[in-house]
N, C-alpha and C. Protein backbone atom coordinates (compact mmCIF):
# COMPACT_ATOMS: atom_id res chain seq x y z
N MET A 1 0.84 -1.17 0.00
CA MET A 1 0.00 0.00 0.00
C MET A 1 0.89 1.24 0.00
N ARG A 2 0.72 2.07 -0.96
CA ARG A 2 1.55 3.26 -1.04
C ARG A 2 0.79 4.45 -0.49
N GLU A 3 1.44 5.16 0.39
CA GLU A 3 0.85 6.33 1.03
C GLU A 3 1.32 7.59 0.32
N PRO A 4 0.43 8.54 0.07
CA PRO A 4 0.88 9.81 -0.50
C PRO A 4 1.75 10.55 0.51
N ILE A 5 2.76 11.18 0.01
CA ILE A 5 3.70 11.88 0.88
C ILE A 5 3.42 13.38 0.83
N THR A 6 3.33 13.97 2.01
CA THR A 6 3.13 15.40 2.10
C THR A 6 4.45 16.05 2.48
N PRO A 7 4.59 17.36 2.27
CA PRO A 7 5.85 18.04 2.55
C PRO A 7 6.27 18.03 4.01
N ASP A 8 5.36 17.65 4.95
CA ASP A 8 5.73 17.69 6.35
C ASP A 8 6.47 16.44 6.83
N VAL A 9 6.82 15.53 5.92
CA VAL A 9 7.62 14.37 6.30
C VAL A 9 9.04 14.84 6.53
N VAL A 10 9.54 14.58 7.73
CA VAL A 10 10.85 15.09 8.11
C VAL A 10 11.69 13.94 8.65
N LYS A 11 12.93 13.89 8.27
CA LYS A 11 13.85 12.89 8.78
C LYS A 11 14.76 13.57 9.80
N ALA A 12 14.80 13.02 11.00
CA ALA A 12 15.61 13.61 12.06
C ALA A 12 16.57 12.56 12.60
N ARG A 13 17.78 12.96 12.87
CA ARG A 13 18.77 12.04 13.43
C ARG A 13 19.06 12.45 14.87
N MET A 14 18.95 11.47 15.76
CA MET A 14 19.29 11.67 17.17
C MET A 14 20.26 10.55 17.52
N SER A 15 21.47 10.86 17.80
CA SER A 15 22.56 9.92 18.00
C SER A 15 22.60 8.95 16.82
N THR A 16 22.40 7.65 17.04
CA THR A 16 22.46 6.70 15.94
C THR A 16 21.07 6.26 15.50
N GLU A 17 20.01 6.83 16.06
CA GLU A 17 18.65 6.44 15.70
C GLU A 17 18.09 7.39 14.65
N THR A 18 17.26 6.84 13.77
CA THR A 18 16.65 7.65 12.72
C THR A 18 15.14 7.54 12.84
N TYR A 19 14.48 8.67 12.74
CA TYR A 19 13.02 8.73 12.85
C TYR A 19 12.44 9.42 11.63
N LEU A 20 11.22 9.04 11.28
CA LEU A 20 10.46 9.71 10.23
C LEU A 20 9.08 10.04 10.78
N ASN A 21 8.54 11.14 10.35
CA ASN A 21 7.17 11.49 10.73
C ASN A 21 6.25 11.13 9.57
N HIS A 22 5.48 10.06 9.75
CA HIS A 22 4.53 9.61 8.72
C HIS A 22 3.29 10.48 8.81
N PRO A 23 2.71 10.89 7.67
CA PRO A 23 1.55 11.80 7.70
C PRO A 23 0.32 11.20 8.37
N THR A 24 0.18 9.89 8.41
CA THR A 24 -1.00 9.26 9.01
C THR A 24 -0.67 8.55 10.32
N PHE A 25 0.44 7.83 10.37
CA PHE A 25 0.74 6.98 11.51
C PHE A 25 1.70 7.59 12.52
N GLY A 26 2.13 8.80 12.30
CA GLY A 26 2.97 9.49 13.27
C GLY A 26 4.43 9.08 13.19
N LEU A 27 5.08 9.10 14.34
CA LEU A 27 6.52 8.89 14.40
C LEU A 27 6.88 7.43 14.16
N LEU A 28 7.82 7.21 13.24
CA LEU A 28 8.34 5.88 12.92
C LEU A 28 9.82 5.86 13.26
N PHE A 29 10.31 4.71 13.70
CA PHE A 29 11.75 4.59 13.94
C PHE A 29 12.34 3.58 12.96
N ARG A 30 13.59 3.79 12.61
CA ARG A 30 14.25 2.90 11.66
C ARG A 30 14.71 1.64 12.38
N VAL A 31 14.27 0.50 11.85
CA VAL A 31 14.70 -0.80 12.35
C VAL A 31 16.04 -1.14 11.73
N CYS A 32 16.14 -1.00 10.39
CA CYS A 32 17.41 -1.27 9.72
C CYS A 32 17.40 -0.72 8.30
N VAL A 33 18.60 -0.66 7.73
CA VAL A 33 18.77 -0.33 6.32
C VAL A 33 18.63 -1.65 5.57
N VAL A 34 17.78 -1.66 4.55
CA VAL A 34 17.58 -2.88 3.75
C VAL A 34 18.60 -2.93 2.62
N ASP A 35 18.70 -1.85 1.89
CA ASP A 35 19.71 -1.71 0.85
C ASP A 35 19.96 -0.23 0.63
N GLU A 36 20.60 0.12 -0.46
CA GLU A 36 21.03 1.50 -0.68
C GLU A 36 19.89 2.51 -0.67
N GLN A 37 18.73 2.14 -1.17
CA GLN A 37 17.61 3.09 -1.25
C GLN A 37 16.42 2.73 -0.37
N ARG A 38 16.49 1.61 0.36
CA ARG A 38 15.34 1.18 1.16
C ARG A 38 15.73 0.97 2.62
N GLU A 39 14.82 1.37 3.50
CA GLU A 39 15.00 1.18 4.94
C GLU A 39 13.70 0.64 5.51
N LEU A 40 13.81 -0.13 6.59
CA LEU A 40 12.63 -0.66 7.27
C LEU A 40 12.35 0.19 8.50
N PHE A 41 11.12 0.68 8.59
CA PHE A 41 10.68 1.48 9.73
C PHE A 41 9.49 0.81 10.39
N ALA A 42 9.28 1.10 11.68
CA ALA A 42 8.12 0.60 12.42
C ALA A 42 7.53 1.75 13.21
N THR A 43 6.25 1.61 13.56
CA THR A 43 5.63 2.63 14.41
C THR A 43 6.37 2.64 15.74
N LEU A 44 6.53 3.79 16.31
CA LEU A 44 7.38 3.95 17.48
C LEU A 44 6.85 3.22 18.71
N TYR A 45 5.58 3.34 19.00
CA TYR A 45 5.07 2.84 20.27
C TYR A 45 4.60 1.39 20.21
N ALA A 46 3.79 1.03 19.26
CA ALA A 46 3.23 -0.32 19.21
C ALA A 46 4.16 -1.31 18.52
N GLN A 47 4.99 -0.86 17.60
CA GLN A 47 5.88 -1.70 16.79
C GLN A 47 5.08 -2.81 16.11
N ARG A 48 3.87 -2.48 15.67
CA ARG A 48 3.03 -3.45 15.00
C ARG A 48 2.86 -3.14 13.51
N LEU A 49 3.10 -1.91 13.12
CA LEU A 49 2.99 -1.52 11.72
C LEU A 49 4.40 -1.29 11.19
N PHE A 50 4.68 -1.89 10.04
CA PHE A 50 6.00 -1.78 9.45
C PHE A 50 5.89 -1.19 8.05
N PHE A 51 6.91 -0.44 7.67
CA PHE A 51 6.95 0.22 6.37
C PHE A 51 8.34 0.08 5.77
N VAL A 52 8.38 -0.24 4.48
CA VAL A 52 9.62 -0.13 3.74
C VAL A 52 9.60 1.26 3.14
N VAL A 53 10.58 2.06 3.49
CA VAL A 53 10.66 3.44 3.02
C VAL A 53 11.72 3.50 1.94
N THR A 54 11.29 3.88 0.75
CA THR A 54 12.18 3.97 -0.40
C THR A 54 12.47 5.44 -0.68
N THR A 55 13.73 5.77 -0.78
CA THR A 55 14.14 7.14 -1.09
C THR A 55 14.64 7.15 -2.53
N GLY A 56 14.04 7.98 -3.35
CA GLY A 56 14.45 8.08 -4.74
C GLY A 56 14.40 9.51 -5.22
N LYS A 57 14.63 9.68 -6.49
CA LYS A 57 14.63 11.03 -7.04
C LYS A 57 13.23 11.65 -7.03
N ASP A 58 12.19 10.81 -6.91
CA ASP A 58 10.81 11.32 -6.82
C ASP A 58 10.39 11.62 -5.39
N GLY A 59 11.25 11.39 -4.41
CA GLY A 59 10.93 11.66 -3.02
C GLY A 59 10.90 10.38 -2.20
N ILE A 60 10.15 10.43 -1.12
CA ILE A 60 10.05 9.31 -0.19
C ILE A 60 8.75 8.56 -0.44
N GLN A 61 8.83 7.23 -0.41
CA GLN A 61 7.65 6.40 -0.64
C GLN A 61 7.54 5.39 0.50
N PHE A 62 6.34 5.28 1.09
CA PHE A 62 6.08 4.32 2.16
C PHE A 62 5.31 3.14 1.60
N ASP A 63 5.79 1.93 1.87
CA ASP A 63 5.08 0.70 1.51
C ASP A 63 4.86 -0.10 2.78
N ALA A 64 3.60 -0.27 3.17
CA ALA A 64 3.28 -1.04 4.37
C ALA A 64 3.53 -2.52 4.10
N ILE A 65 4.15 -3.20 5.06
CA ILE A 65 4.37 -4.64 4.94
C ILE A 65 4.02 -5.29 6.28
N GLY A 66 3.80 -6.58 6.26
CA GLY A 66 3.44 -7.31 7.47
C GLY A 66 4.63 -7.58 8.37
N ARG A 67 4.31 -8.02 9.58
CA ARG A 67 5.33 -8.33 10.57
C ARG A 67 6.26 -9.45 10.10
N THR A 68 5.69 -10.50 9.50
CA THR A 68 6.50 -11.63 9.04
C THR A 68 7.47 -11.20 7.94
N ASP A 69 6.97 -10.43 6.98
CA ASP A 69 7.85 -9.93 5.90
C ASP A 69 8.93 -9.01 6.46
N SER A 70 8.59 -8.23 7.48
CA SER A 70 9.57 -7.35 8.12
C SER A 70 10.67 -8.17 8.78
N ARG A 71 10.26 -9.21 9.49
CA ARG A 71 11.23 -10.07 10.16
C ARG A 71 12.16 -10.73 9.14
N ILE A 72 11.60 -11.16 8.01
CA ILE A 72 12.41 -11.77 6.95
C ILE A 72 13.43 -10.77 6.39
N LEU A 73 13.00 -9.51 6.20
CA LEU A 73 13.94 -8.48 5.72
C LEU A 73 15.09 -8.28 6.70
N VAL A 74 14.76 -8.20 7.99
CA VAL A 74 15.79 -7.98 9.01
C VAL A 74 16.74 -9.17 9.07
N GLU A 75 16.20 -10.37 9.03
CA GLU A 75 17.05 -11.56 9.09
C GLU A 75 17.95 -11.66 7.85
N GLY A 76 17.43 -11.25 6.70
CA GLY A 76 18.26 -11.22 5.49
C GLY A 76 19.40 -10.23 5.62
N ARG A 77 19.10 -9.08 6.19
CA ARG A 77 20.13 -8.06 6.41
C ARG A 77 21.18 -8.56 7.41
N MET A 78 20.72 -9.27 8.44
CA MET A 78 21.65 -9.81 9.43
C MET A 78 22.60 -10.82 8.77
N ARG A 79 22.07 -11.67 7.89
CA ARG A 79 22.92 -12.63 7.18
C ARG A 79 23.96 -11.91 6.33
N GLU A 80 23.52 -10.85 5.66
CA GLU A 80 24.45 -10.08 4.82
C GLU A 80 25.56 -9.45 5.65
N LEU A 81 25.20 -8.86 6.79
CA LEU A 81 26.20 -8.24 7.66
C LEU A 81 27.18 -9.27 8.21
N ARG A 82 26.68 -10.42 8.60
CA ARG A 82 27.54 -11.48 9.11
C ARG A 82 28.49 -11.99 8.02
N ARG A 83 27.95 -12.16 6.81
CA ARG A 83 28.74 -12.66 5.69
C ARG A 83 29.86 -11.69 5.30
N THR A 84 29.59 -10.38 5.41
CA THR A 84 30.58 -9.38 5.02
C THR A 84 31.48 -8.96 6.17
N GLY A 85 31.28 -9.55 7.36
CA GLY A 85 32.16 -9.28 8.49
C GLY A 85 31.92 -7.97 9.20
N GLN A 86 30.75 -7.39 9.07
CA GLN A 86 30.42 -6.12 9.75
C GLN A 86 29.84 -6.43 11.13
N THR A 87 30.71 -6.87 12.04
CA THR A 87 30.26 -7.38 13.33
C THR A 87 29.57 -6.35 14.21
N GLN A 88 30.03 -5.12 14.19
CA GLN A 88 29.42 -4.08 15.03
C GLN A 88 27.99 -3.82 14.57
N GLU A 89 27.78 -3.67 13.28
CA GLU A 89 26.43 -3.45 12.75
C GLU A 89 25.55 -4.68 12.97
N TYR A 90 26.14 -5.86 12.83
CA TYR A 90 25.41 -7.10 13.06
C TYR A 90 24.91 -7.18 14.49
N THR A 91 25.77 -6.84 15.45
CA THR A 91 25.40 -6.88 16.87
C THR A 91 24.26 -5.92 17.17
N LYS A 92 24.32 -4.71 16.61
CA LYS A 92 23.25 -3.73 16.80
C LYS A 92 21.94 -4.23 16.21
N LEU A 93 22.01 -4.79 15.02
CA LEU A 93 20.80 -5.27 14.36
C LEU A 93 20.23 -6.49 15.07
N GLN A 94 21.09 -7.33 15.60
CA GLN A 94 20.64 -8.49 16.34
C GLN A 94 19.86 -8.06 17.58
N ALA A 95 20.33 -7.04 18.27
CA ALA A 95 19.63 -6.51 19.44
C ALA A 95 18.27 -5.92 19.04
N ALA A 96 18.24 -5.19 17.93
CA ALA A 96 16.98 -4.63 17.44
C ALA A 96 16.01 -5.73 17.06
N HIS A 97 16.53 -6.80 16.45
CA HIS A 97 15.70 -7.95 16.06
C HIS A 97 15.05 -8.58 17.29
N LYS A 98 15.83 -8.80 18.32
CA LYS A 98 15.30 -9.40 19.56
C LYS A 98 14.25 -8.49 20.20
N GLN A 99 14.52 -7.20 20.23
CA GLN A 99 13.58 -6.25 20.83
C GLN A 99 12.28 -6.15 20.04
N THR A 100 12.37 -6.22 18.73
CA THR A 100 11.21 -6.01 17.88
C THR A 100 10.39 -7.27 17.64
N PHE A 101 11.04 -8.40 17.46
CA PHE A 101 10.33 -9.60 17.01
C PHE A 101 10.24 -10.72 18.04
N GLN A 102 10.84 -10.58 19.21
CA GLN A 102 10.76 -11.66 20.21
C GLN A 102 10.12 -11.21 21.47
């Protein structure tokens, strides 16, 4: 499901955490980077709604996805980080995975 983006969507960085203000669902936090142009975000408080946020030349696009698909994306990213030897990022993502999905 693609949500229309309004100009009030703002990306803010606080230490190492990234947040987005979704026009309908409010504050989202970044769970992980999926690839160069896509990131996985979840609603801040309930952590029940997940969005793949794609950044492109046309702006920001939100695609809602289910919890299971979100978990699969995170686990795929964890495998990639482990395979490439990025242990610090892997450890951070593993902690986020446990907090979000267990």
